Amino acid sequence: MMDERTMKEETEKARRWNTVVFWIFAAIFAVLTAAVCVFKYQHTYSPAKWANDRENRYKIVSDMLERNQLAGMTEAEVIRLLGSEDGGGQASF
């Protein structure tokens, strides 16, 4: 049988271990939450992002297409949504 002092030491050791494990999981959760938020922000369409970050447009195209039905829009509506052409000429594919 354990004496009272040993039992208190074991209880305190278990409590410290539980605290350490809790904070490890809390830190992992915080990092994952931040990563998801950053990913979501980087992949969310906004007209300002589209206009100002031409090199990363590929990240927001899916969100833009989900939010806007381009088929059936007039050219003026598409230009209002996306802005005028960047290259100053015909689009090449």
N, C-alpha and C. Protein backbone atom coordinates (compact mmCIF):
# COMPACT_ATOMS: atom_id res chain seq x y z
N MET A 1 0.82 -1.19 0.00
CA MET A 1 0.00 0.00 0.00
C MET A 1 0.87 1.26 0.00
N MET A 2 0.35 2.29 -0.63
CA MET A 2 1.04 3.57 -0.66
C MET A 2 0.72 4.35 0.61
N ASP A 3 1.74 5.02 1.09
CA ASP A 3 1.45 5.91 2.21
C ASP A 3 0.92 7.23 1.67
N GLU A 4 0.45 8.06 2.57
CA GLU A 4 -0.20 9.30 2.17
C GLU A 4 0.74 10.23 1.40
N ARG A 5 1.98 10.32 1.80
CA ARG A 5 2.95 11.19 1.12
C ARG A 5 3.20 10.73 -0.30
N THR A 6 3.38 9.43 -0.49
CA THR A 6 3.60 8.87 -1.84
C THR A 6 2.38 9.09 -2.71
N MET A 7 1.20 8.93 -2.13
CA MET A 7 -0.03 9.13 -2.89
C MET A 7 -0.16 10.58 -3.34
N LYS A 8 0.18 11.52 -2.47
CA LYS A 8 0.13 12.93 -2.83
C LYS A 8 1.13 13.25 -3.94
N GLU A 9 2.32 12.68 -3.85
CA GLU A 9 3.34 12.89 -4.89
C GLU A 9 2.88 12.35 -6.23
N GLU A 10 2.31 11.15 -6.22
CA GLU A 10 1.81 10.55 -7.46
C GLU A 10 0.65 11.37 -8.04
N THR A 11 -0.21 11.85 -7.16
CA THR A 11 -1.34 12.67 -7.60
C THR A 11 -0.84 13.97 -8.22
N GLU A 12 0.14 14.58 -7.58
CA GLU A 12 0.70 15.83 -8.12
C GLU A 12 1.42 15.59 -9.44
N LYS A 13 2.14 14.48 -9.54
CA LYS A 13 2.82 14.13 -10.79
C LYS A 13 1.80 13.92 -11.92
N ALA A 14 0.71 13.22 -11.62
CA ALA A 14 -0.34 12.99 -12.62
C ALA A 14 -0.99 14.30 -13.02
N ARG A 15 -1.21 15.19 -12.05
CA ARG A 15 -1.82 16.49 -12.34
C ARG A 15 -0.92 17.31 -13.26
N ARG A 16 0.40 17.33 -12.97
CA ARG A 16 1.34 18.05 -13.84
C ARG A 16 1.36 17.45 -15.24
N TRP A 17 1.38 16.13 -15.32
CA TRP A 17 1.38 15.45 -16.63
C TRP A 17 0.12 15.81 -17.41
N ASN A 18 -1.03 15.79 -16.74
CA ASN A 18 -2.29 16.16 -17.40
C ASN A 18 -2.25 17.60 -17.91
N THR A 19 -1.66 18.49 -17.13
CA THR A 19 -1.56 19.89 -17.54
C THR A 19 -0.66 20.02 -18.78
N VAL A 20 0.46 19.32 -18.77
CA VAL A 20 1.38 19.36 -19.92
C VAL A 20 0.68 18.83 -21.17
N VAL A 21 0.01 17.70 -21.05
CA VAL A 21 -0.68 17.11 -22.19
C VAL A 21 -1.78 18.04 -22.69
N PHE A 22 -2.53 18.65 -21.76
CA PHE A 22 -3.58 19.60 -22.15
C PHE A 22 -3.01 20.74 -22.97
N TRP A 23 -1.91 21.35 -22.51
CA TRP A 23 -1.32 22.49 -23.22
C TRP A 23 -0.71 22.09 -24.55
N ILE A 24 -0.20 20.87 -24.64
CA ILE A 24 0.30 20.39 -25.94
C ILE A 24 -0.85 20.30 -26.93
N PHE A 25 -1.97 19.69 -26.50
CA PHE A 25 -3.13 19.60 -27.39
C PHE A 25 -3.71 20.97 -27.71
N ALA A 26 -3.73 21.87 -26.74
CA ALA A 26 -4.22 23.23 -26.98
C ALA A 26 -3.35 23.95 -28.00
N ALA A 27 -2.04 23.78 -27.91
CA ALA A 27 -1.12 24.41 -28.87
C ALA A 27 -1.32 23.83 -30.27
N ILE A 28 -1.45 22.52 -30.36
CA ILE A 28 -1.70 21.88 -31.66
C ILE A 28 -3.00 22.39 -32.25
N PHE A 29 -4.04 22.47 -31.44
CA PHE A 29 -5.34 22.96 -31.90
C PHE A 29 -5.23 24.41 -32.38
N ALA A 30 -4.50 25.23 -31.64
CA ALA A 30 -4.34 26.64 -32.03
C ALA A 30 -3.60 26.77 -33.35
N VAL A 31 -2.55 25.99 -33.53
CA VAL A 31 -1.78 26.03 -34.78
C VAL A 31 -2.64 25.57 -35.95
N LEU A 32 -3.38 24.48 -35.76
CA LEU A 32 -4.24 23.98 -36.84
C LEU A 32 -5.35 24.98 -37.17
N THR A 33 -5.93 25.59 -36.16
CA THR A 33 -6.97 26.60 -36.39
C THR A 33 -6.41 27.79 -37.17
N ALA A 34 -5.23 28.24 -36.79
CA ALA A 34 -4.60 29.35 -37.51
C ALA A 34 -4.31 28.97 -38.96
N ALA A 35 -3.83 27.74 -39.17
CA ALA A 35 -3.52 27.29 -40.53
C ALA A 35 -4.78 27.24 -41.38
N VAL A 36 -5.87 26.76 -40.82
CA VAL A 36 -7.14 26.70 -41.57
C VAL A 36 -7.62 28.11 -41.90
N CYS A 37 -7.51 29.02 -40.93
CA CYS A 37 -7.95 30.40 -41.18
C CYS A 37 -7.11 31.07 -42.27
N VAL A 38 -5.81 30.87 -42.23
CA VAL A 38 -4.93 31.44 -43.26
C VAL A 38 -5.27 30.85 -44.62
N PHE A 39 -5.43 29.52 -44.67
CA PHE A 39 -5.78 28.87 -45.94
C PHE A 39 -7.10 29.41 -46.47
N LYS A 40 -8.10 29.51 -45.60
CA LYS A 40 -9.42 30.00 -46.02
C LYS A 40 -9.30 31.44 -46.52
N TYR A 41 -8.55 32.28 -45.82
CA TYR A 41 -8.38 33.67 -46.26
C TYR A 41 -7.70 33.73 -47.62
N GLN A 42 -6.66 32.93 -47.81
CA GLN A 42 -5.92 32.96 -49.07
C GLN A 42 -6.75 32.45 -50.24
N HIS A 43 -7.76 31.64 -49.97
CA HIS A 43 -8.54 31.03 -51.03
C HIS A 43 -9.96 31.59 -51.13
N THR A 44 -10.20 32.76 -50.54
CA THR A 44 -11.51 33.40 -50.60
C THR A 44 -11.44 34.58 -51.57
N TYR A 45 -12.36 34.60 -52.51
CA TYR A 45 -12.41 35.65 -53.54
C TYR A 45 -12.90 36.97 -52.96
N SER A 46 -12.26 38.03 -53.38
CA SER A 46 -12.78 39.38 -53.19
C SER A 46 -12.29 40.20 -54.38
N PRO A 47 -13.08 41.18 -54.81
CA PRO A 47 -12.64 41.99 -55.95
C PRO A 47 -11.28 42.65 -55.71
N ALA A 48 -11.02 43.07 -54.48
CA ALA A 48 -9.73 43.70 -54.18
C ALA A 48 -8.58 42.71 -54.35
N LYS A 49 -8.75 41.49 -53.88
CA LYS A 49 -7.70 40.47 -54.06
C LYS A 49 -7.48 40.19 -55.53
N TRP A 50 -8.57 40.08 -56.26
CA TRP A 50 -8.46 39.79 -57.69
C TRP A 50 -7.68 40.89 -58.41
N ALA A 51 -7.97 42.12 -58.06
CA ALA A 51 -7.33 43.26 -58.73
C ALA A 51 -5.88 43.45 -58.32
N ASN A 52 -5.55 43.17 -57.06
CA ASN A 52 -4.24 43.53 -56.54
C ASN A 52 -3.23 42.39 -56.47
N ASP A 53 -3.65 41.16 -56.59
CA ASP A 53 -2.73 40.04 -56.43
C ASP A 53 -2.82 39.10 -57.63
N ARG A 54 -2.36 39.58 -58.77
CA ARG A 54 -2.50 38.84 -60.02
C ARG A 54 -1.79 37.50 -59.97
N GLU A 55 -0.67 37.40 -59.29
CA GLU A 55 0.11 36.16 -59.28
C GLU A 55 -0.56 35.05 -58.48
N ASN A 56 -1.47 35.39 -57.58
CA ASN A 56 -2.11 34.38 -56.74
C ASN A 56 -3.60 34.20 -57.06
N ARG A 57 -4.02 34.67 -58.21
CA ARG A 57 -5.43 34.53 -58.58
C ARG A 57 -5.86 33.07 -58.67
N TYR A 58 -4.94 32.21 -59.03
CA TYR A 58 -5.29 30.79 -59.15
C TYR A 58 -5.82 30.24 -57.83
N LYS A 59 -5.44 30.83 -56.71
CA LYS A 59 -5.90 30.35 -55.41
C LYS A 59 -7.37 30.71 -55.15
N ILE A 60 -7.86 31.77 -55.78
CA ILE A 60 -9.22 32.24 -55.47
C ILE A 60 -10.21 32.00 -56.59
N VAL A 61 -9.76 31.41 -57.70
CA VAL A 61 -10.66 31.19 -58.84
C VAL A 61 -11.83 30.29 -58.46
N SER A 62 -11.58 29.20 -57.76
CA SER A 62 -12.66 28.27 -57.39
C SER A 62 -13.73 28.98 -56.57
N ASP A 63 -13.30 29.76 -55.59
CA ASP A 63 -14.26 30.48 -54.75
C ASP A 63 -15.04 31.50 -55.57
N MET A 64 -14.35 32.20 -56.48
CA MET A 64 -15.01 33.19 -57.32
C MET A 64 -16.07 32.52 -58.20
N LEU A 65 -15.74 31.36 -58.76
CA LEU A 65 -16.69 30.66 -59.62
C LEU A 65 -17.87 30.11 -58.83
N GLU A 66 -17.64 29.71 -57.58
CA GLU A 66 -18.74 29.24 -56.74
C GLU A 66 -19.69 30.37 -56.38
N ARG A 67 -19.16 31.57 -56.21
CA ARG A 67 -19.98 32.71 -55.80
C ARG A 67 -20.66 33.41 -56.96
N ASN A 68 -20.13 33.26 -58.17
CA ASN A 68 -20.64 34.02 -59.32
C ASN A 68 -20.88 33.07 -60.49
N GLN A 69 -22.04 33.18 -61.08
CA GLN A 69 -22.38 32.39 -62.26
C GLN A 69 -21.98 33.21 -63.49
N LEU A 70 -20.80 32.93 -64.05
CA LEU A 70 -20.31 33.71 -65.19
C LEU A 70 -21.10 33.43 -66.46
N ALA A 71 -21.55 32.18 -66.63
CA ALA A 71 -22.34 31.85 -67.82
C ALA A 71 -23.63 32.67 -67.76
N GLY A 72 -23.90 33.38 -68.82
CA GLY A 72 -25.10 34.21 -68.89
C GLY A 72 -24.85 35.67 -68.54
N MET A 73 -23.66 35.98 -68.00
CA MET A 73 -23.34 37.37 -67.71
C MET A 73 -22.96 38.09 -68.99
N THR A 74 -23.26 39.36 -69.03
CA THR A 74 -22.82 40.16 -70.17
C THR A 74 -21.34 40.48 -69.98
N GLU A 75 -20.72 40.94 -71.05
CA GLU A 75 -19.31 41.31 -70.97
C GLU A 75 -19.11 42.43 -69.94
N ALA A 76 -20.02 43.37 -69.90
CA ALA A 76 -19.92 44.48 -68.93
C ALA A 76 -20.00 43.96 -67.50
N GLU A 77 -20.85 42.97 -67.26
CA GLU A 77 -20.97 42.40 -65.91
C GLU A 77 -19.69 41.67 -65.50
N VAL A 78 -19.10 40.95 -66.45
CA VAL A 78 -17.85 40.24 -66.16
C VAL A 78 -16.73 41.25 -65.89
N ILE A 79 -16.67 42.31 -66.68
CA ILE A 79 -15.65 43.35 -66.47
C ILE A 79 -15.86 44.03 -65.11
N ARG A 80 -17.11 44.24 -64.73
CA ARG A 80 -17.40 44.84 -63.43
C ARG A 80 -16.93 43.91 -62.30
N LEU A 81 -17.07 42.60 -62.51
CA LEU A 81 -16.67 41.62 -61.51
C LEU A 81 -15.16 41.46 -61.44
N LEU A 82 -14.50 41.35 -62.59
CA LEU A 82 -13.09 41.00 -62.64
C LEU A 82 -12.17 42.14 -63.03
N GLY A 83 -12.72 43.22 -63.52
CA GLY A 83 -11.89 44.32 -63.99
C GLY A 83 -11.56 44.13 -65.46
N SER A 84 -10.91 45.11 -66.05
CA SER A 84 -10.56 45.01 -67.47
C SER A 84 -9.38 44.07 -67.64
N GLU A 85 -9.08 43.74 -68.89
CA GLU A 85 -8.01 42.79 -69.19
C GLU A 85 -6.67 43.30 -68.68
N ASP A 86 -5.86 42.38 -68.20
CA ASP A 86 -4.54 42.75 -67.70
C ASP A 86 -3.53 42.95 -68.82
N GLY A 87 -3.64 42.11 -69.84
CA GLY A 87 -2.63 42.11 -70.89
C GLY A 87 -2.85 43.15 -71.95
N GLY A 88 -3.99 43.79 -71.99
CA GLY A 88 -4.24 44.82 -72.96
C GLY A 88 -4.60 44.29 -74.35
N GLY A 89 -4.89 43.00 -74.46
CA GLY A 89 -5.24 42.43 -75.76
C GLY A 89 -6.07 41.19 -75.57
N GLN A 90 -6.11 40.38 -76.62
CA GLN A 90 -6.88 39.14 -76.56
C GLN A 90 -6.27 38.18 -75.55
N ALA A 91 -7.13 37.45 -74.90
CA ALA A 91 -6.64 36.43 -73.97
C ALA A 91 -6.09 35.26 -74.78
N SER A 92 -4.97 34.72 -74.33
CA SER A 92 -4.40 33.58 -75.03
C SER A 92 -4.49 32.37 -74.12
N PHE A 93 -4.75 31.21 -74.72
CA PHE A 93 -4.91 29.98 -73.94
C PHE A 93 -3.88 28.96 -74.36
